């Protein structure tokens, strides 16, 4: 089964609108922090929720008594995922996201010194 792949134009437009924290997580990965956990006696398993400290994506997992991951689910904040119908992000599209992240960092770094001078 072939997956619908997002066009370069769709990805380019979408990535320009991504907030900095969403783009950074897509580039570098999430910064998971424990949010909650509980034991589920009926399933003889544990459930835990982790939350990304940067973009606030939530990751839920069900763990066996030995720690094996039995199930998992992500809940993304509004605007984090590609718009419906856009398609799968190819490796080229993911590369484009990384370049967007790097160029924003460069722009931020080049603006920072002048902003510091104005503040003096």
PDB file of N, CA and C in Angstrom:
ATOM      1  N   UNK A   1       0.840  -1.183   0.000  1.00  0.00           N
ATOM      2  CA  UNK A   1       0.000   0.000   0.000  1.00  0.00           C
ATOM      3  C   UNK A   1       0.883   1.244   0.000  1.00  0.00           C
ATOM      4  N   UNK A   2       0.682   2.105  -0.968  1.00  0.00           N
ATOM      5  CA  UNK A   2       1.455   3.339  -1.056  1.00  0.00           C
ATOM      6  C   UNK A   2       0.824   4.419  -0.194  1.00  0.00           C
ATOM      7  N   UNK A   3       1.675   5.165   0.477  1.00  0.00           N
ATOM      8  CA  UNK A   3       1.188   6.274   1.295  1.00  0.00           C
ATOM      9  C   UNK A   3       1.219   7.555   0.481  1.00  0.00           C
ATOM     10  N   UNK A   4       0.254   8.412   0.750  1.00  0.00           N
ATOM     11  CA  UNK A   4       0.224   9.726   0.137  1.00  0.00           C
ATOM     12  C   UNK A   4       1.376  10.544   0.737  1.00  0.00           C
ATOM     13  N   UNK A   5       2.267  11.039  -0.111  1.00  0.00           N
ATOM     14  CA  UNK A   5       3.413  11.804   0.362  1.00  0.00           C
ATOM     15  C   UNK A   5       3.135  13.292   0.189  1.00  0.00           C
ATOM     16  N   UNK A   6       3.461  14.067   1.202  1.00  0.00           N
ATOM     17  CA  UNK A   6       3.250  15.511   1.176  1.00  0.00           C
ATOM     18  C   UNK A   6       4.107  16.145   0.088  1.00  0.00           C
ATOM     19  N   UNK A   7       3.550  17.123  -0.597  1.00  0.00           N
ATOM     20  CA  UNK A   7       4.315  17.834  -1.618  1.00  0.00           C
ATOM     21  C   UNK A   7       5.289  18.800  -0.942  1.00  0.00           C
ATOM     22  N   UNK A   8       6.355  19.126  -1.654  1.00  0.00           N
ATOM     23  CA  UNK A   8       7.350  20.074  -1.118  1.00  0.00           C
ATOM     24  C   UNK A   8       6.690  21.424  -0.838  1.00  0.00           C
ATOM     25  N   UNK A   9       5.770  21.851  -1.693  1.00  0.00           N
ATOM     26  CA  UNK A   9       5.096  23.143  -1.500  1.00  0.00           C
ATOM     27  C   UNK A   9       4.239  23.134  -0.239  1.00  0.00           C
ATOM     28  N   UNK A  10       3.507  22.025  -0.005  1.00  0.00           N
ATOM     29  CA  UNK A  10       2.682  21.918   1.202  1.00  0.00           C
ATOM     30  C   UNK A  10       3.544  21.961   2.455  1.00  0.00           C
ATOM     31  N   UNK A  11       4.642  21.234   2.443  1.00  0.00           N
ATOM     32  CA  UNK A  11       5.532  21.180   3.609  1.00  0.00           C
ATOM     33  C   UNK A  11       6.175  22.546   3.840  1.00  0.00           C
ATOM     34  N   UNK A  12       6.623  23.190   2.780  1.00  0.00           N
ATOM     35  CA  UNK A  12       7.276  24.490   2.893  1.00  0.00           C
ATOM     36  C   UNK A  12       6.352  25.523   3.519  1.00  0.00           C
ATOM     37  N   UNK A  13       5.130  25.562   3.060  1.00  0.00           N
ATOM     38  CA  UNK A  13       4.147  26.510   3.594  1.00  0.00           C
ATOM     39  C   UNK A  13       3.855  26.218   5.066  1.00  0.00           C
ATOM     40  N   UNK A  14       3.650  24.948   5.383  1.00  0.00           N
ATOM     41  CA  UNK A  14       3.312  24.536   6.749  1.00  0.00           C
ATOM     42  C   UNK A  14       4.460  24.804   7.716  1.00  0.00           C
ATOM     43  N   UNK A  15       5.691  24.467   7.328  1.00  0.00           N
ATOM     44  CA  UNK A  15       6.820  24.605   8.247  1.00  0.00           C
ATOM     45  C   UNK A  15       7.126  26.061   8.567  1.00  0.00           C
ATOM     46  N   UNK A  16       6.863  26.974   7.640  1.00  0.00           N
ATOM     47  CA  UNK A  16       7.086  28.398   7.916  1.00  0.00           C
ATOM     48  C   UNK A  16       6.166  28.914   9.010  1.00  0.00           C
ATOM     49  N   UNK A  17       5.013  28.261   9.166  1.00  0.00           N
ATOM     50  CA  UNK A  17       4.029  28.675  10.170  1.00  0.00           C
ATOM     51  C   UNK A  17       4.222  27.987  11.525  1.00  0.00           C
ATOM     52  N   UNK A  18       5.076  26.965  11.581  1.00  0.00           N
ATOM     53  CA  UNK A  18       5.259  26.227  12.833  1.00  0.00           C
ATOM     54  C   UNK A  18       5.890  27.112  13.897  1.00  0.00           C
ATOM     55  N   UNK A  19       5.336  27.082  15.107  1.00  0.00           N
ATOM     56  CA  UNK A  19       6.004  27.789  16.203  1.00  0.00           C
ATOM     57  C   UNK A  19       7.388  27.184  16.450  1.00  0.00           C
ATOM     58  N   UNK A  20       8.281  27.995  16.972  1.00  0.00           N
ATOM     59  CA  UNK A  20       9.670  27.589  17.215  1.00  0.00           C
ATOM     60  C   UNK A  20       9.769  26.270  17.988  1.00  0.00           C
ATOM     61  N   UNK A  21       8.972  26.131  19.063  1.00  0.00           N
ATOM     62  CA  UNK A  21       9.074  24.922  19.887  1.00  0.00           C
ATOM     63  C   UNK A  21       8.618  23.675  19.134  1.00  0.00           C
ATOM     64  N   UNK A  22       7.649  23.789  18.240  1.00  0.00           N
ATOM     65  CA  UNK A  22       7.201  22.635  17.459  1.00  0.00           C
ATOM     66  C   UNK A  22       8.300  22.237  16.471  1.00  0.00           C
ATOM     67  N   UNK A  23       8.866  23.234  15.819  1.00  0.00           N
ATOM     68  CA  UNK A  23       9.918  22.971  14.843  1.00  0.00           C
ATOM     69  C   UNK A  23      11.136  22.329  15.510  1.00  0.00           C
ATOM     70  N   UNK A  24      11.517  22.822  16.672  1.00  0.00           N
ATOM     71  CA  UNK A  24      12.672  22.267  17.389  1.00  0.00           C
ATOM     72  C   UNK A  24      12.426  20.808  17.770  1.00  0.00           C
ATOM     73  N   UNK A  25      11.227  20.493  18.242  1.00  0.00           N
ATOM     74  CA  UNK A  25      10.916  19.101  18.588  1.00  0.00           C
ATOM     75  C   UNK A  25      10.939  18.213  17.350  1.00  0.00           C
ATOM     76  N   UNK A  26      10.450  18.711  16.247  1.00  0.00           N
ATOM     77  CA  UNK A  26      10.476  17.922  15.020  1.00  0.00           C
ATOM     78  C   UNK A  26      11.901  17.715  14.527  1.00  0.00           C
ATOM     79  N   UNK A  27      12.776  18.660  14.808  1.00  0.00           N
ATOM     80  CA  UNK A  27      14.170  18.569  14.400  1.00  0.00           C
ATOM     81  C   UNK A  27      14.992  17.715  15.370  1.00  0.00           C
ATOM     82  N   UNK A  28      14.939  18.036  16.652  1.00  0.00           N
ATOM     83  CA  UNK A  28      15.820  17.413  17.643  1.00  0.00           C
ATOM     84  C   UNK A  28      15.171  16.317  18.480  1.00  0.00           C
ATOM     85  N   UNK A  29      13.852  16.253  18.474  1.00  0.00           N
ATOM     86  CA  UNK A  29      13.139  15.286  19.306  1.00  0.00           C
ATOM     87  C   UNK A  29      12.571  15.961  20.544  1.00  0.00           C
ATOM     88  N   UNK A  30      11.690  15.269  21.199  1.00  0.00           N
ATOM     89  CA  UNK A  30      11.002  15.804  22.372  1.00  0.00           C
ATOM     90  C   UNK A  30      11.866  15.756  23.622  1.00  0.00           C
ATOM     91  N   UNK A  31      11.540  16.608  24.578  1.00  0.00           N
ATOM     92  CA  UNK A  31      12.200  16.614  25.889  1.00  0.00           C
ATOM     93  C   UNK A  31      11.185  16.077  26.901  1.00  0.00           C
ATOM     94  N   UNK A  32      11.105  14.752  27.012  1.00  0.00           N
ATOM     95  CA  UNK A  32      10.088  14.115  27.842  1.00  0.00           C
ATOM     96  C   UNK A  32      10.343  14.331  29.320  1.00  0.00           C
ATOM     97  N   UNK A  33       9.254  14.611  30.030  1.00  0.00           N
ATOM     98  CA  UNK A  33       9.275  14.727  31.488  1.00  0.00           C
ATOM     99  C   UNK A  33       8.104  13.924  32.032  1.00  0.00           C
ATOM    100  N   UNK A  34       8.296  13.235  33.159  1.00  0.00           N
ATOM    101  CA  UNK A  34       7.180  12.486  33.752  1.00  0.00           C
ATOM    102  C   UNK A  34       6.047  13.435  34.134  1.00  0.00           C
ATOM    103  N   UNK A  35       4.817  13.028  33.839  1.00  0.00           N
ATOM    104  CA  UNK A  35       3.649  13.840  34.199  1.00  0.00           C
ATOM    105  C   UNK A  35       2.770  13.110  35.213  1.00  0.00           C
ATOM    106  N   UNK A  36       2.507  11.823  34.976  1.00  0.00           N
ATOM    107  CA  UNK A  36       1.691  11.043  35.912  1.00  0.00           C
ATOM    108  C   UNK A  36       1.928   9.560  35.676  1.00  0.00           C
ATOM    109  N   UNK A  37       1.541   8.771  36.674  1.00  0.00           N
ATOM    110  CA  UNK A  37       1.653   7.318  36.563  1.00  0.00           C
ATOM    111  C   UNK A  37       0.669   6.688  37.532  1.00  0.00           C
ATOM    112  N   UNK A  38       0.232   5.470  37.184  1.00  0.00           N
ATOM    113  CA  UNK A  38      -0.668   4.730  38.078  1.00  0.00           C
ATOM    114  C   UNK A  38      -0.563   3.242  37.774  1.00  0.00           C
ATOM    115  N   UNK A  39      -0.868   2.457  38.789  1.00  0.00           N
ATOM    116  CA  UNK A  39      -0.946   1.011  38.625  1.00  0.00           C
ATOM    117  C   UNK A  39      -2.387   0.658  38.318  1.00  0.00           C
ATOM    118  N   UNK A  40      -2.600  -0.230  37.336  1.00  0.00           N
ATOM    119  CA  UNK A  40      -3.944  -0.666  36.950  1.00  0.00           C
ATOM    120  C   UNK A  40      -4.091  -2.137  37.336  1.00  0.00           C
ATOM    121  N   UNK A  41      -4.655  -2.406  38.524  1.00  0.00           N
ATOM    122  CA  UNK A  41      -4.713  -3.793  39.006  1.00  0.00           C
ATOM    123  C   UNK A  41      -5.508  -4.730  38.095  1.00  0.00           C
ATOM    124  N   UNK A  42      -6.556  -4.252  37.462  1.00  0.00           N
ATOM    125  CA  UNK A  42      -7.350  -5.121  36.581  1.00  0.00           C
ATOM    126  C   UNK A  42      -6.543  -5.614  35.385  1.00  0.00           C
ATOM    127  N   UNK A  43      -5.599  -4.796  34.914  1.00  0.00           N
ATOM    128  CA  UNK A  43      -4.742  -5.186  33.783  1.00  0.00           C
ATOM    129  C   UNK A  43      -3.388  -5.709  34.240  1.00  0.00           C
ATOM    130  N   UNK A  44      -3.115  -5.604  35.562  1.00  0.00           N
ATOM    131  CA  UNK A  44      -1.812  -5.957  36.115  1.00  0.00           C
ATOM    132  C   UNK A  44      -0.703  -5.253  35.326  1.00  0.00           C
ATOM    133  N   UNK A  45      -0.907  -3.949  35.121  1.00  0.00           N
ATOM    134  CA  UNK A  45       0.029  -3.151  34.327  1.00  0.00           C
ATOM    135  C   UNK A  45       0.077  -1.728  34.873  1.00  0.00           C
ATOM    136  N   UNK A  46       1.045  -0.999  34.392  1.00  0.00           N
ATOM    137  CA  UNK A  46       1.207   0.407  34.770  1.00  0.00           C
ATOM    138  C   UNK A  46       0.863   1.294  33.579  1.00  0.00           C
ATOM    139  N   UNK A  47       0.351   2.455  33.883  1.00  0.00           N
ATOM    140  CA  UNK A  47       0.103   3.464  32.851  1.00  0.00           C
ATOM    141  C   UNK A  47       0.880   4.706  33.246  1.00  0.00           C
ATOM    142  N   UNK A  48       1.608   5.260  32.294  1.00  0.00           N
ATOM    143  CA  UNK A  48       2.323   6.501  32.589  1.00  0.00           C
ATOM    144  C   UNK A  48       2.117   7.501  31.458  1.00  0.00           C
ATOM    145  N   UNK A  49       2.175   8.758  31.838  1.00  0.00           N
ATOM    146  CA  UNK A  49       2.076   9.851  30.876  1.00  0.00           C
ATOM    147  C   UNK A  49       3.314  10.703  31.024  1.00  0.00           C
ATOM    148  N   UNK A  50       3.910  11.014  29.893  1.00  0.00           N
ATOM    149  CA  UNK A  50       5.050  11.924  29.855  1.00  0.00           C
ATOM    150  C   UNK A  50       4.628  13.123  29.014  1.00  0.00           C
ATOM    151  N   UNK A  51       5.196  14.272  29.309  1.00  0.00           N
ATOM    152  CA  UNK A  51       4.853  15.493  28.571  1.00  0.00           C
ATOM    153  C   UNK A  51       6.143  16.162  28.119  1.00  0.00           C
ATOM    154  N   UNK A  52       6.154  16.604  26.881  1.00  0.00           N
ATOM    155  CA  UNK A  52       7.309  17.316  26.364  1.00  0.00           C
ATOM    156  C   UNK A  52       7.343  18.709  26.992  1.00  0.00           C
ATOM    157  N   UNK A  53       8.474  19.062  27.565  1.00  0.00           N
ATOM    158  CA  UNK A  53       8.624  20.356  28.204  1.00  0.00           C
ATOM    159  C   UNK A  53       8.681  21.517  27.225  1.00  0.00           C
ATOM    160  N   UNK A  54       8.865  21.214  25.956  1.00  0.00           N
ATOM    161  CA  UNK A  54       8.990  22.266  24.951  1.00  0.00           C
ATOM    162  C   UNK A  54       7.680  22.489  24.195  1.00  0.00           C
ATOM    163  N   UNK A  55       7.090  21.427  23.619  1.00  0.00           N
ATOM    164  CA  UNK A  55       5.903  21.600  22.765  1.00  0.00           C
ATOM    165  C   UNK A  55       4.609  21.103  23.412  1.00  0.00           C
ATOM    166  N   UNK A  56       4.726  20.421  24.543  1.00  0.00           N
ATOM    167  CA  UNK A  56       3.592  19.922  25.327  1.00  0.00           C
ATOM    168  C   UNK A  56       2.863  18.728  24.709  1.00  0.00           C
ATOM    169  N   UNK A  57       3.521  18.033  23.768  1.00  0.00           N
ATOM    170  CA  UNK A  57       2.985  16.764  23.298  1.00  0.00           C
ATOM    171  C   UNK A  57       2.937  15.811  24.490  1.00  0.00           C
ATOM    172  N   UNK A  58       1.902  14.976  24.552  1.00  0.00           N
ATOM    173  CA  UNK A  58       1.800  13.980  25.622  1.00  0.00           C
ATOM    174  C   UNK A  58       2.004  12.586  25.050  1.00  0.00           C
ATOM    175  N   UNK A  59       2.727  11.775  25.794  1.00  0.00           N
ATOM    176  CA  UNK A  59       3.019  10.399  25.405  1.00  0.00           C
ATOM    177  C   UNK A  59       2.506   9.491  26.510  1.00  0.00           C
ATOM    178  N   UNK A  60       1.517   8.675  26.183  1.00  0.00           N
ATOM    179  CA  UNK A  60       0.954   7.720  27.139  1.00  0.00           C
ATOM    180  C   UNK A  60       1.485   6.329  26.807  1.00  0.00           C
ATOM    181  N   UNK A  61       1.841   5.586  27.855  1.00  0.00           N
ATOM    182  CA  UNK A  61       2.313   4.220  27.674  1.00  0.00           C
ATOM    183  C   UNK A  61       1.670   3.309  28.707  1.00  0.00           C
ATOM    184  N   UNK A  62       1.428   2.070  28.288  1.00  0.00           N
ATOM    185  CA  UNK A  62       1.015   1.017  29.200  1.00  0.00           C
ATOM    186  C   UNK A  62       2.197   0.060  29.284  1.00  0.00           C
ATOM    187  N   UNK A  63       2.652  -0.198  30.518  1.00  0.00           N
ATOM    188  CA  UNK A  63       3.820  -1.041  30.755  1.00  0.00           C
ATOM    189  C   UNK A  63       3.435  -2.298  31.522  1.00  0.00           C
ATOM    190  N   UNK A  64       4.057  -3.398  31.154  1.00  0.00           N
ATOM    191  CA  UNK A  64       3.861  -4.643  31.911  1.00  0.00           C
ATOM    192  C   UNK A  64       4.571  -4.514  33.253  1.00  0.00           C
ATOM    193  N   UNK A  65       4.359  -5.492  34.114  1.00  0.00           N
ATOM    194  CA  UNK A  65       5.032  -5.478  35.431  1.00  0.00           C
ATOM    195  C   UNK A  65       6.553  -5.517  35.273  1.00  0.00           C
ATOM    196  N   UNK A  66       7.037  -6.067  34.170  1.00  0.00           N
ATOM    197  CA  UNK A  66       8.486  -6.133  33.943  1.00  0.00           C
ATOM    198  C   UNK A  66       9.009  -4.911  33.181  1.00  0.00           C
ATOM    199  N   UNK A  67       8.102  -3.989  32.774  1.00  0.00           N
ATOM    200  CA  UNK A  67       8.524  -2.768  32.105  1.00  0.00           C
ATOM    201  C   UNK A  67       8.414  -2.790  30.591  1.00  0.00           C
ATOM    202  N   UNK A  68       7.941  -3.902  30.034  1.00  0.00           N
ATOM    203  CA  UNK A  68       7.754  -3.977  28.583  1.00  0.00           C
ATOM    204  C   UNK A  68       6.645  -3.009  28.174  1.00  0.00           C
ATOM    205  N   UNK A  69       6.843  -2.297  27.083  1.00  0.00           N
ATOM    206  CA  UNK A  69       5.821  -1.380  26.580  1.00  0.00           C
ATOM    207  C   UNK A  69       4.760  -2.201  25.845  1.00  0.00           C
ATOM    208  N   UNK A  70       3.540  -2.180  26.374  1.00  0.00           N
ATOM    209  CA  UNK A  70       2.437  -2.946  25.801  1.00  0.00           C
ATOM    210  C   UNK A  70       1.618  -2.123  24.821  1.00  0.00           C
ATOM    211  N   UNK A  71       1.524  -0.829  25.063  1.00  0.00           N
ATOM    212  CA  UNK A  71       0.743   0.056  24.194  1.00  0.00           C
ATOM    213  C   UNK A  71       1.245   1.480  24.375  1.00  0.00           C
ATOM    214  N   UNK A  72       1.013   2.291  23.370  1.00  0.00           N
ATOM    215  CA  UNK A  72       1.423   3.685  23.449  1.00  0.00           C
ATOM    216  C   UNK A  72       0.541   4.560  22.587  1.00  0.00           C
ATOM    217  N   UNK A  73       0.507   5.816  22.946  1.00  0.00           N
ATOM    218  CA  UNK A  73      -0.325   6.776  22.217  1.00  0.00           C
ATOM    219  C   UNK A  73       0.244   8.178  22.439  1.00  0.00           C
ATOM    220  N   UNK A  74       0.193   9.008  21.397  1.00  0.00           N
ATOM    221  CA  UNK A  74       0.623  10.396  21.491  1.00  0.00           C
ATOM    222  C   UNK A  74      -0.571  11.317  21.324  1.00  0.00           C
ATOM    223  N   UNK A  75      -0.562  12.412  22.059  1.00  0.00           N
ATOM    224  CA  UNK A  75      -1.561  13.470  21.897  1.00  0.00           C
ATOM    225  C   UNK A  75      -0.789  14.746  21.589  1.00  0.00           C
ATOM    226  N   UNK A  76      -0.999  15.265  20.382  1.00  0.00           N
ATOM    227  CA  UNK A  76      -0.250  16.427  19.922  1.00  0.00           C
ATOM    228  C   UNK A  76      -1.039  17.715  20.116  1.00  0.00           C
ATOM    229  N   UNK A  77      -0.341  18.809  20.396  1.00  0.00           N
ATOM    230  CA  UNK A  77      -1.036  20.091  20.507  1.00  0.00           C
ATOM    231  C   UNK A  77      -1.536  20.555  19.137  1.00  0.00           C
ATOM    232  N   UNK A  78      -2.513  21.402  19.149  1.00  0.00           N
ATOM    233  CA  UNK A  78      -3.080  21.972  17.919  1.00  0.00           C
ATOM    234  C   UNK A  78      -1.966  22.591  17.072  1.00  0.00           C
ATOM    235  N   UNK A  79      -1.920  22.215  15.806  1.00  0.00           N
ATOM    236  CA  UNK A  79      -0.945  22.785  14.886  1.00  0.00           C
ATOM    237  C   UNK A  79       0.366  22.036  14.791  1.00  0.00           C
ATOM    238  N   UNK A  80       0.585  21.018  15.631  1.00  0.00           N
ATOM    239  CA  UNK A  80       1.849  20.285  15.599  1.00  0.00           C
ATOM    240  C   UNK A  80       1.925  19.344  14.394  1.00  0.00           C
ATOM    241  N   UNK A  81       0.824  18.690  14.091  1.00  0.00           N
ATOM    242  CA  UNK A  81       0.824  17.712  12.999  1.00  0.00           C
ATOM    243  C   UNK A  81       0.540  18.401  11.669  1.00  0.00           C
ATOM    244  N   UNK A  82       0.941  17.732  10.597  1.00  0.00           N
ATOM    245  CA  UNK A  82       0.674  18.290   9.268  1.00  0.00           C
ATOM    246  C   UNK A  82      -0.833  18.370   9.058  1.00  0.00           C
ATOM    247  N   UNK A  83      -1.291  19.364   8.310  1.00  0.00           N
ATOM    248  CA  UNK A  83      -2.731  19.482   8.071  1.00  0.00           C
ATOM    249  C   UNK A  83      -3.313  18.215   7.430  1.00  0.00           C
ATOM    250  N   UNK A  84      -4.534  17.897   7.778  1.00  0.00           N
ATOM    251  CA  UNK A  84      -5.206  16.711   7.233  1.00  0.00           C
ATOM    252  C   UNK A  84      -5.149  16.742   5.712  1.00  0.00           C
ATOM    253  N   UNK A  85      -4.849  15.597   5.126  1.00  0.00           N
ATOM    254  CA  UNK A  85      -4.801  15.487   3.672  1.00  0.00           C
ATOM    255  C   UNK A  85      -3.462  15.870   3.069  1.00  0.00           C
ATOM    256  N   UNK A  86      -2.544  16.369   3.889  1.00  0.00           N
ATOM    257  CA  UNK A  86      -1.234  16.785   3.374  1.00  0.00           C
ATOM    258  C   UNK A  86      -0.420  15.578   2.942  1.00  0.00           C
ATOM    259  N   UNK A  87      -0.478  14.520   3.723  1.00  0.00           N
ATOM    260  CA  UNK A  87       0.256  13.309   3.391  1.00  0.00           C
ATOM    261  C   UNK A  87       1.428  13.071   4.326  1.00  0.00           C
ATOM    262  N   UNK A  88       2.094  11.973   4.101  1.00  0.00           N
ATOM    263  CA  UNK A  88       3.231  11.502   4.893  1.00  0.00           C
ATOM    264  C   UNK A  88       4.448  12.388   4.634  1.00  0.00           C
ATOM    265  N   UNK A  89       5.226  12.682   5.681  1.00  0.00           N
ATOM    266  CA  UNK A  89       6.458  13.457   5.515  1.00  0.00           C
ATOM    267  C   UNK A  89       7.581  12.528   5.080  1.00  0.00           C
ATOM    268  N   UNK A  90       8.071  12.729   3.878  1.00  0.00           N
ATOM    269  CA  UNK A  90       9.175  11.928   3.352  1.00  0.00           C
ATOM    270  C   UNK A  90      10.475  12.331   4.041  1.00  0.00           C
ATOM    271  N   UNK A  91      11.547  11.592   3.789  1.00  0.00           N
ATOM    272  CA  UNK A  91      12.844  11.953   4.370  1.00  0.00           C
ATOM    273  C   UNK A  91      13.287  13.323   3.865  1.00  0.00           C
ATOM    274  N   UNK A  92      12.947  13.657   2.619  1.00  0.00           N
ATOM    275  CA  UNK A  92      13.269  14.980   2.082  1.00  0.00           C
ATOM    276  C   UNK A  92      12.516  16.088   2.806  1.00  0.00           C
ATOM    277  N   UNK A  93      11.252  15.822   3.135  1.00  0.00           N
ATOM    278  CA  UNK A  93      10.455  16.807   3.871  1.00  0.00           C
ATOM    279  C   UNK A  93      11.002  16.981   5.278  1.00  0.00           C
ATOM    280  N   UNK A  94      11.418  15.901   5.888  1.00  0.00           N
ATOM    281  CA  UNK A  94      12.014  15.990   7.229  1.00  0.00           C
ATOM    282  C   UNK A  94      13.331  16.772   7.175  1.00  0.00           C
ATOM    283  N   UNK A  95      14.079  16.588   6.113  1.00  0.00           N
ATOM    284  CA  UNK A  95      15.303  17.366   5.924  1.00  0.00           C
ATOM    285  C   UNK A  95      14.998  18.844   5.782  1.00  0.00           C
ATOM    286  N   UNK A  96      13.937  19.147   5.074  1.00  0.00           N
ATOM    287  CA  UNK A  96      13.509  20.537   4.912  1.00  0.00           C
ATOM    288  C   UNK A  96      13.151  21.162   6.261  1.00  0.00           C
ATOM    289  N   UNK A  97      12.509  20.389   7.143  1.00  0.00           N
ATOM    290  CA  UNK A  97      12.193  20.877   8.492  1.00  0.00           C
ATOM    291  C   UNK A  97      13.473  21.180   9.273  1.00  0.00           C
ATOM    292  N   UNK A  98      14.481  20.320   9.120  1.00  0.00           N
ATOM    293  CA  UNK A  98      15.747  20.555   9.821  1.00  0.00           C
ATOM    294  C   UNK A  98      16.412  21.837   9.326  1.00  0.00           C
ATOM    295  N   UNK A  99      16.378  22.058   8.009  1.00  0.00           N
ATOM    296  CA  UNK A  99      16.981  23.274   7.448  1.00  0.00           C
ATOM    297  C   UNK A  99      16.213  24.504   7.928  1.00  0.00           C
ATOM    298  N   UNK A 100      14.898  24.429   7.986  1.00  0.00           N
ATOM    299  CA  UNK A 100      14.095  25.542   8.517  1.00  0.00           C
ATOM    300  C   UNK A 100      14.505  25.841   9.950  1.00  0.00           C
ATOM    301  N   UNK A 101      14.701  24.802  10.749  1.00  0.00           N
ATOM    302  CA  UNK A 101      15.102  24.967  12.139  1.00  0.00           C
ATOM    303  C   UNK A 101      16.467  25.649  12.235  1.00  0.00           C
ATOM    304  N   UNK A 102      17.420  25.193  11.428  1.00  0.00           N
ATOM    305  CA  UNK A 102      18.769  25.757  11.444  1.00  0.00           C
ATOM    306  C   UNK A 102      18.766  27.207  10.966  1.00  0.00           C
ATOM    307  N   UNK A 103      18.048  27.502   9.887  1.00  0.00           N
ATOM    308  CA  UNK A 103      18.047  28.877   9.373  1.00  0.00           C
ATOM    309  C   UNK A 103      17.363  29.834  10.340  1.00  0.00           C
ATOM    310  N   UNK A 104      16.352  29.367  11.063  1.00  0.00           N
ATOM    311  CA  UNK A 104      15.746  30.228  12.086  1.00  0.00           C
ATOM    312  C   UNK A 104      16.740  30.506  13.204  1.00  0.00           C
ATOM    313  N   UNK A 105      17.512  29.499  13.568  1.00  0.00           N
ATOM    314  CA  UNK A 105      18.521  29.677  14.614  1.00  0.00           C
ATOM    315  C   UNK A 105      19.581  30.685  14.163  1.00  0.00           C
ATOM    316  N   UNK A 106      20.018  30.567  12.917  1.00  0.00           N
ATOM    317  CA  UNK A 106      21.001  31.511  12.386  1.00  0.00           C
ATOM    318  C   UNK A 106      20.429  32.925  12.417  1.00  0.00           C
ATOM    319  N   UNK A 107      19.196  33.078  11.967  1.00  0.00           N
ATOM    320  CA  UNK A 107      18.557  34.403  11.974  1.00  0.00           C
ATOM    321  C   UNK A 107      18.470  34.941  13.398  1.00  0.00           C
ATOM    322  N   UNK A 108      18.110  34.080  14.331  1.00  0.00           N
ATOM    323  CA  UNK A 108      18.004  34.497  15.737  1.00  0.00           C
ATOM    324  C   UNK A 108      19.367  34.906  16.273  1.00  0.00           C
ATOM    325  N   UNK A 109      20.392  34.112  15.976  1.00  0.00           N
ATOM    326  CA  UNK A 109      21.740  34.407  16.467  1.00  0.00           C
ATOM    327  C   UNK A 109      22.304  35.694  15.869  1.00  0.00           C
ATOM    328  N   UNK A 110      21.989  35.986  14.627  1.00  0.00           N
ATOM    329  CA  UNK A 110      22.509  37.214  14.020  1.00  0.00           C
ATOM    330  C   UNK A 110      21.754  38.443  14.497  1.00  0.00           C
ATOM    331  N   UNK A 111      20.511  38.273  14.942  1.00  0.00           N
ATOM    332  CA  UNK A 111      19.745  39.389  15.482  1.00  0.00           C
ATOM    333  C   UNK A 111      20.129  39.678  16.937  1.00  0.00           C
ATOM    334  N   UNK A 112      20.546  38.681  17.662  1.00  0.00           N
ATOM    335  CA  UNK A 112      20.816  38.820  19.089  1.00  0.00           C
ATOM    336  C   UNK A 112      21.860  39.877  19.428  1.00  0.00           C
ATOM    337  N   UNK A 113      23.025  39.925  18.738  1.00  0.00           N
ATOM    338  CA  UNK A 113      24.020  40.937  19.117  1.00  0.00           C
ATOM    339  C   UNK A 113      23.522  42.377  18.953  1.00  0.00           C
ATOM    340  N   UNK A 114      22.805  42.655  17.871  1.00  0.00           N
ATOM    341  CA  UNK A 114      22.314  44.021  17.670  1.00  0.00           C
ATOM    342  C   UNK A 114      21.253  44.375  18.708  1.00  0.00           C
ATOM    343  N   UNK A 115      20.437  43.406  19.096  1.00  0.00           N
ATOM    344  CA  UNK A 115      19.420  43.657  20.129  1.00  0.00           C
ATOM    345  C   UNK A 115      20.096  43.955  21.455  1.00  0.00           C
ATOM    346  N   UNK A 116      21.221  43.289  21.720  1.00  0.00           N
ATOM    347  CA  UNK A 116      21.951  43.528  22.966  1.00  0.00           C
ATOM    348  C   UNK A 116      22.547  44.930  22.972  1.00  0.00           C
ATOM    349  N   UNK A 117      23.073  45.387  21.820  1.00  0.00           N
ATOM    350  CA  UNK A 117      23.664  46.725  21.742  1.00  0.00           C
ATOM    351  C   UNK A 117      22.600  47.797  21.966  1.00  0.00           C
ATOM    352  N   UNK A 118      21.412  47.608  21.410  1.00  0.00           N
ATOM    353  CA  UNK A 118      20.330  48.580  21.572  1.00  0.00           C
ATOM    354  C   UNK A 118      19.893  48.691  23.028  1.00  0.00           C
ATOM    355  N   UNK A 119      20.000  47.574  23.751  1.00  0.00           N
ATOM    356  CA  UNK A 119      19.556  47.553  25.143  1.00  0.00           C
ATOM    357  C   UNK A 119      20.537  48.210  26.107  1.00  0.00           C
ATOM    358  N   UNK A 120      21.749  48.483  25.648  1.00  0.00           N
ATOM    359  CA  UNK A 120      22.769  49.067  26.552  1.00  0.00           C
ATOM    360  C   UNK A 120      22.579  50.529  26.743  1.00  0.00           C
TER     361      UNK A 120
END
